C-alpha atoms as a PDB file:
ATOM      1  CA  MET A   1       3.498  28.230   1.293  1.00  0.00           C
ATOM      2  CA  SER A   2       1.981  25.598  -0.871  1.00  0.00           C
ATOM      3  CA  ALA A   3       0.584  23.086   0.886  1.00  0.00           C
ATOM      4  CA  ALA A   4       2.466  19.883   1.442  1.00  0.00           C
ATOM      5  CA  ARG A   5       0.962  17.218  -1.701  1.00  0.00           C
ATOM      6  CA  VAL A   6      -0.127  14.114  -0.815  1.00  0.00           C
ATOM      7  CA  LEU A   7       1.635  11.241  -2.879  1.00  0.00           C
ATOM      8  CA  ARG A   8      -0.081   7.746  -3.782  1.00  0.00           C
ATOM      9  CA  THR A   9       1.560   4.674  -1.442  1.00  0.00           C
ATOM     10  CA  GLY A  10       2.229   1.320  -2.387  1.00  0.00           C
ATOM     11  CA  LEU A  11       4.113  -1.892  -1.117  1.00  0.00           C
ATOM     12  CA  LEU A  12       5.080  -4.504  -2.540  1.00  0.00           C
ATOM     13  CA  GLY A  13       5.686  -7.799  -0.489  1.00  0.00           C
ATOM     14  CA  ALA A  14       3.238  -8.255   2.724  1.00  0.00           C
ATOM     15  CA  GLY A  15       5.826 -10.579   4.115  1.00  0.00           C
ATOM     16  CA  SER A  16       7.455 -10.193   7.716  1.00  0.00           C
ATOM     17  CA  PHE A  17       7.600  -6.382   7.991  1.00  0.00           C
ATOM     18  CA  ALA A  18       5.423  -5.692   5.731  1.00  0.00           C
ATOM     19  CA  SER A  19       2.771  -5.530   8.183  1.00  0.00           C
ATOM     20  CA  TYR A  20       4.983  -2.972  10.414  1.00  0.00           C
ATOM     21  CA  HIS A  21       5.989  -0.145   6.594  1.00  0.00           C
ATOM     22  CA  ALA A  22       1.779  -0.146   5.871  1.00  0.00           C
ATOM     23  CA  GLY A  23       0.474   0.957   8.977  1.00  0.00           C
ATOM     24  CA  LYS A  24       3.538   3.636   8.503  1.00  0.00           C
ATOM     25  CA  LEU A  25       2.931   4.436   4.910  1.00  0.00           C
ATOM     26  CA  ALA A  26      -1.147   4.396   5.809  1.00  0.00           C
ATOM     27  CA  SER A  27      -0.701   6.417   8.774  1.00  0.00           C
ATOM     28  CA  LEU A  28       1.196   9.139   7.147  1.00  0.00           C
ATOM     29  CA  PRO A  29      -0.562  12.618   6.366  1.00  0.00           C
ATOM     30  CA  GLN A  30       1.495  13.289   3.361  1.00  0.00           C
ATOM     31  CA  SER A  31      -0.131   9.584   2.008  1.00  0.00           C
ATOM     32  CA  ALA A  32      -2.051   8.062   0.294  1.00  0.00           C
ATOM     33  CA  PHE A  33      -1.953   4.684   0.992  1.00  0.00           C
ATOM     34  CA  GLN A  34      -3.799   2.116  -1.722  1.00  0.00           C
ATOM     35  CA  GLY A  35      -3.361  -0.547  -2.182  1.00  0.00           C
ATOM     36  CA  LEU A  36      -0.066  -3.591  -2.044  1.00  0.00           C
ATOM     37  CA  PHE A  37       0.606  -6.588  -4.083  1.00  0.00           C
ATOM     38  CA  ASP A  38       2.167 -10.096  -2.630  1.00  0.00           C
ATOM     39  CA  PRO A  39       2.025 -13.677  -5.328  1.00  0.00           C
ATOM     40  CA  ASP A  40       0.696 -14.798  -3.073  1.00  0.00           C
ATOM     41  CA  PRO A  41      -2.859 -14.098  -2.680  1.00  0.00           C
ATOM     42  CA  LEU A  42      -4.517 -14.472   1.015  1.00  0.00           C
ATOM     43  CA  ARG A  43      -1.457 -12.895   2.424  1.00  0.00           C
ATOM     44  CA  ALA A  44      -1.945 -10.256   0.105  1.00  0.00           C
ATOM     45  CA  GLN A  45      -5.917  -9.280   1.289  1.00  0.00           C
ATOM     46  CA  ALA A  46      -5.011 -10.293   4.881  1.00  0.00           C
ATOM     47  CA  LEU A  47      -2.807  -6.990   4.733  1.00  0.00           C
ATOM     48  CA  ALA A  48      -4.779  -4.830   2.280  1.00  0.00           C
ATOM     49  CA  ASP A  49      -7.369  -5.507   4.819  1.00  0.00           C
ATOM     50  CA  LYS A  50      -5.733  -4.714   7.354  1.00  0.00           C
ATOM     51  CA  HIS A  51      -5.028  -1.177   6.704  1.00  0.00           C
ATOM     52  CA  SER A  52      -8.118  -0.422   4.373  1.00  0.00           C
ATOM     53  CA  CYS A  53      -6.654  -0.421   0.543  1.00  0.00           C
ATOM     54  CA  ARG A  54      -6.442  -3.288  -2.176  1.00  0.00           C
ATOM     55  CA  PRO A  55      -4.310  -6.202  -2.935  1.00  0.00           C
ATOM     56  CA  ALA A  56      -3.458  -5.661  -6.291  1.00  0.00           C
ATOM     57  CA  SER A  57      -3.239  -8.335  -8.831  1.00  0.00           C
ATOM     58  CA  SER A  58      -0.037  -7.417 -10.028  1.00  0.00           C
ATOM     59  CA  PHE A  59       2.664  -4.863  -9.640  1.00  0.00           C
ATOM     60  CA  PRO A  60       2.331  -3.200 -12.812  1.00  0.00           C
ATOM     61  CA  ASP A  61      -1.756  -3.547 -11.564  1.00  0.00           C
ATOM     62  CA  LEU A  62      -0.428  -1.708  -8.476  1.00  0.00           C
ATOM     63  CA  LEU A  63       1.654   0.716 -10.298  1.00  0.00           C
ATOM     64  CA  LYS A  64      -1.212   2.320 -12.610  1.00  0.00           C
ATOM     65  CA  ASP A  65      -2.270   3.423  -8.597  1.00  0.00           C
ATOM     66  CA  LEU A  66       0.308   5.258  -7.000  1.00  0.00           C
ATOM     67  CA  ASP A  67       2.381   8.799  -7.597  1.00  0.00           C
END
C-alpha cells in the first residue's frame, strides 16, 4: 500500500467562516496548509498569523504554491 500524498492547500478569503476552514486545513494530516489570500491585507495577515502560514499578495500568488 502506498503512502497518502500530502497536498499543499490554501484558502481564498479570510472572512467569518475562514478561520474554521483554515483550522481544518491546517490540522489534516494529508494537507500542508500553505497560505491564504484576502483583498483586505490586515485580515489576511491576522488569519495567517493564527495558522502559521503566509498571506498571499494576490490570488495568482497563492495558486503558485498549491497543488
